[in-house]
Amino acid sequence: MSVMVVGRPEADEYAPFYADYVSRVPEANPIEAMSAQLGQTTALLGRVAEAEAGARYAPGKWSVREVVGHLADAERIFSYRALRIARGDATPLPGFDETAYVPAGRFDERTLADLVSELANARRSTLDLFRSFGEAEWRRRGIASGKPISVRALGRIIPGHERHHVEVLGTRYGLRG
């Protein structure tokens, strides 16, 4: 199977808010980044003791479990956006408020292992979806959160978002890969 080079999205393919996430994925094919992260992030989180998974680096900040739950939520939302846009659905897609989703997810009531498994399963599903796209699907554009977004931008936002949070887990929580 040949590897499709989807190219980097142009600045008009995503809201400025996502520029940091897009810049964190220099790989020619973002599927390679997503695939590598599946093992890397799972291994990193697998070294966290359950007793440490409720740790917060400061009052009011998310616990390690909440970060993982947020990653799974965001993965699903970004992938859903990519699916709708890739299928040619021009319906503007709503935003989501992660500050409301995290408490509603009750992630600290679950084990870290369960959350890591959920995140890994979400990533496997994302990989299946993005591997199914041809060139036309990768280039499609839509509207999410009132801003333009393309499938190829979402293909970089997903792993870039995870890289951002893994970096925070390292710098703020002391979890190193």
Protein backbone atom coordinates (compact mmCIF):
# COMPACT_ATOMS: atom_id res chain seq x y z
CA MET A 1 0.00 0.00 0.00
CA SER A 2 1.39 3.41 -0.93
CA VAL A 3 1.51 6.19 1.61
CA MET A 4 -0.52 9.21 0.62
CA VAL A 5 1.11 12.57 1.22
CA VAL A 6 -1.76 14.84 2.12
CA GLY A 7 0.24 18.02 2.42
CA ARG A 8 0.18 20.65 5.09
CA PRO A 9 -3.02 22.64 5.47
CA GLU A 10 -2.96 26.30 4.53
CA ALA A 11 -3.64 28.88 7.24
CA ASP A 12 -7.16 29.45 5.89
CA GLU A 13 -8.04 25.78 6.54
CA TYR A 14 -8.29 26.19 10.31
CA ALA A 15 -8.92 28.80 12.98
CA PRO A 16 -5.83 30.56 14.39
CA PHE A 17 -6.53 28.84 17.73
CA TYR A 18 -5.41 25.53 16.17
CA ALA A 19 -2.12 26.83 14.73
CA ASP A 20 -0.08 25.47 17.65
CA TYR A 21 -1.57 22.00 17.26
CA VAL A 22 -1.00 21.97 13.49
CA SER A 23 2.62 23.12 13.94
CA ARG A 24 3.32 20.21 16.31
CA VAL A 25 2.91 17.70 13.46
CA PRO A 26 5.79 18.07 10.98
CA GLU A 27 5.36 14.57 9.55
CA ALA A 28 4.48 14.43 5.83
CA ASN A 29 1.56 12.14 6.64
CA PRO A 30 -0.30 12.85 9.90
CA ILE A 31 -1.49 9.24 10.02
CA GLU A 32 2.10 8.28 10.85
CA ALA A 33 2.03 10.67 13.82
CA MET A 34 -1.32 9.33 15.02
CA SER A 35 -0.15 5.74 14.69
CA ALA A 36 3.10 6.35 16.61
CA GLN A 37 1.24 8.16 19.38
CA LEU A 38 -0.96 5.15 20.00
CA GLY A 39 1.98 3.25 21.47
CA GLN A 40 3.87 6.21 22.91
CA THR A 41 1.03 7.77 24.89
CA THR A 42 -0.26 4.41 26.07
CA ALA A 43 3.23 3.49 27.31
CA LEU A 44 3.68 6.85 29.06
CA LEU A 45 0.35 6.59 30.85
CA GLY A 46 0.94 2.93 31.64
CA ARG A 47 3.79 3.98 33.93
CA VAL A 48 1.49 6.14 36.08
CA ALA A 49 0.42 4.47 39.31
CA GLU A 50 -3.31 4.55 39.96
CA ALA A 51 -2.64 6.41 43.21
CA GLU A 52 -0.95 9.20 41.22
CA ALA A 53 -3.65 9.43 38.51
CA GLY A 54 -5.72 11.85 40.59
CA ALA A 55 -2.81 14.28 40.92
CA ARG A 56 -3.30 17.90 39.89
CA TYR A 57 -0.38 20.23 39.38
CA ALA A 58 -2.36 23.12 40.92
CA PRO A 59 -5.76 23.69 42.52
CA GLY A 60 -8.52 23.81 39.94
CA LYS A 61 -6.43 22.08 37.26
CA TRP A 62 -7.34 18.74 35.71
CA SER A 63 -6.13 15.49 37.20
CA VAL A 64 -4.13 13.06 35.08
CA ARG A 65 -7.33 11.01 34.65
CA GLU A 66 -9.21 14.12 33.52
CA VAL A 67 -6.52 14.95 30.95
CA VAL A 68 -6.84 11.44 29.51
CA GLY A 69 -10.63 11.67 29.48
CA HIS A 70 -10.42 15.04 27.75
CA LEU A 71 -8.10 13.55 25.11
CA ALA A 72 -10.63 10.79 24.37
CA ASP A 73 -13.50 13.29 24.17
CA ALA A 74 -11.58 15.63 21.87
CA GLU A 75 -10.43 12.73 19.69
CA ARG A 76 -14.02 11.70 19.11
CA ILE A 77 -15.22 15.23 18.41
CA PHE A 78 -12.41 16.06 15.98
CA SER A 79 -12.86 12.70 14.22
CA TYR A 80 -16.60 13.24 13.96
CA ARG A 81 -15.96 16.61 12.38
CA ALA A 82 -13.57 14.99 9.89
CA LEU A 83 -16.14 12.31 9.06
CA ARG A 84 -18.93 14.79 8.41
CA ILE A 85 -16.75 17.06 6.30
CA ALA A 86 -15.12 14.20 4.37
CA ARG A 87 -18.56 12.88 3.47
CA GLY A 88 -19.49 16.24 1.99
CA ASP A 89 -21.86 17.33 4.76
CA ALA A 90 -21.93 21.14 4.60
CA THR A 91 -23.87 21.55 7.86
CA PRO A 92 -21.96 23.89 10.20
CA LEU A 93 -20.77 21.89 13.20
CA PRO A 94 -21.05 23.23 16.75
CA GLY A 95 -18.18 23.82 19.10
CA PHE A 96 -17.71 22.10 22.42
CA ASP A 97 -16.76 23.39 25.84
CA GLU A 98 -14.10 21.17 27.35
CA THR A 99 -14.46 22.95 30.69
CA ALA A 100 -18.03 21.62 30.85
CA TYR A 101 -17.25 18.20 29.35
CA VAL A 102 -14.53 17.25 31.84
CA PRO A 103 -16.64 17.47 35.02
CA ALA A 104 -19.58 15.83 33.22
CA GLY A 105 -17.28 12.96 32.21
CA ARG A 106 -16.63 12.06 35.88
CA PHE A 107 -13.21 10.75 34.83
CA ASP A 108 -11.87 10.65 38.40
CA GLU A 109 -14.49 7.98 39.19
CA ARG A 110 -12.80 5.61 36.74
CA THR A 111 -9.45 3.87 36.72
CA LEU A 112 -6.64 5.29 34.68
CA ALA A 113 -6.26 1.94 32.91
CA ASP A 114 -9.88 2.12 31.78
CA LEU A 115 -9.42 5.66 30.46
CA VAL A 116 -6.20 4.75 28.66
CA SER A 117 -7.97 1.82 27.02
CA GLU A 118 -10.79 4.13 25.92
CA LEU A 119 -8.31 6.63 24.48
CA ALA A 120 -6.47 3.87 22.61
CA ASN A 121 -9.73 2.54 21.18
CA ALA A 122 -10.76 6.03 20.09
CA ARG A 123 -7.39 6.44 18.34
CA ARG A 124 -7.73 3.09 16.56
CA SER A 125 -11.11 4.24 15.26
CA THR A 126 -9.62 7.57 14.17
CA LEU A 127 -6.86 5.76 12.32
CA ASP A 128 -9.36 3.54 10.50
CA LEU A 129 -11.34 6.61 9.48
CA PHE A 130 -8.40 8.69 8.23
CA ARG A 131 -6.85 5.71 6.41
CA SER A 132 -10.09 5.43 4.43
CA PHE A 133 -9.81 8.94 2.99
CA GLY A 134 -8.67 9.58 -0.55
CA GLU A 135 -7.21 12.84 -1.80
CA ALA A 136 -10.63 14.41 -2.37
CA GLU A 137 -11.74 13.72 1.20
CA TRP A 138 -8.52 15.10 2.70
CA ARG A 139 -9.05 18.40 0.88
CA ARG A 140 -12.68 18.95 1.81
CA ARG A 141 -13.57 21.90 4.00
CA GLY A 142 -16.39 22.69 6.35
CA ILE A 143 -17.33 24.90 9.27
CA ALA A 144 -16.84 23.97 12.93
CA SER A 145 -17.25 26.33 15.88
CA GLY A 146 -18.14 29.04 13.38
CA LYS A 147 -14.73 28.82 11.66
CA PRO A 148 -13.43 27.14 8.50
CA ILE A 149 -11.77 23.74 8.96
CA SER A 150 -10.48 21.12 6.54
CA VAL A 151 -10.08 17.39 6.90
CA ARG A 152 -6.33 17.69 6.44
CA ALA A 153 -6.20 20.31 9.20
CA LEU A 154 -8.14 17.99 11.50
CA GLY A 155 -5.65 15.25 10.59
CA ARG A 156 -2.95 17.39 12.19
CA ILE A 157 -5.04 18.93 14.96
CA ILE A 158 -5.77 15.51 16.44
CA PRO A 159 -2.16 14.42 16.99
CA GLY A 160 -1.05 18.02 17.69
CA HIS A 161 -3.66 18.33 20.45
CA GLU A 162 -2.41 15.12 22.01
CA ARG A 163 1.22 16.26 21.75
CA HIS A 164 0.24 19.47 23.53
CA HIS A 165 -1.32 17.58 26.43
CA VAL A 166 1.49 15.03 26.62
CA GLU A 167 3.90 17.96 26.89
CA VAL A 168 1.78 19.39 29.73
CA LEU A 169 1.83 15.98 31.43
CA GLY A 170 5.62 16.15 31.24
CA THR A 171 6.18 19.76 32.27
CA ARG A 172 3.40 20.18 34.84
CA TYR A 173 2.85 16.65 36.14
CA GLY A 174 6.40 15.30 35.81
CA LEU A 175 5.44 12.43 33.50
CA ARG A 176 8.23 11.82 31.03
CA GLY A 177 8.35 9.48 28.06
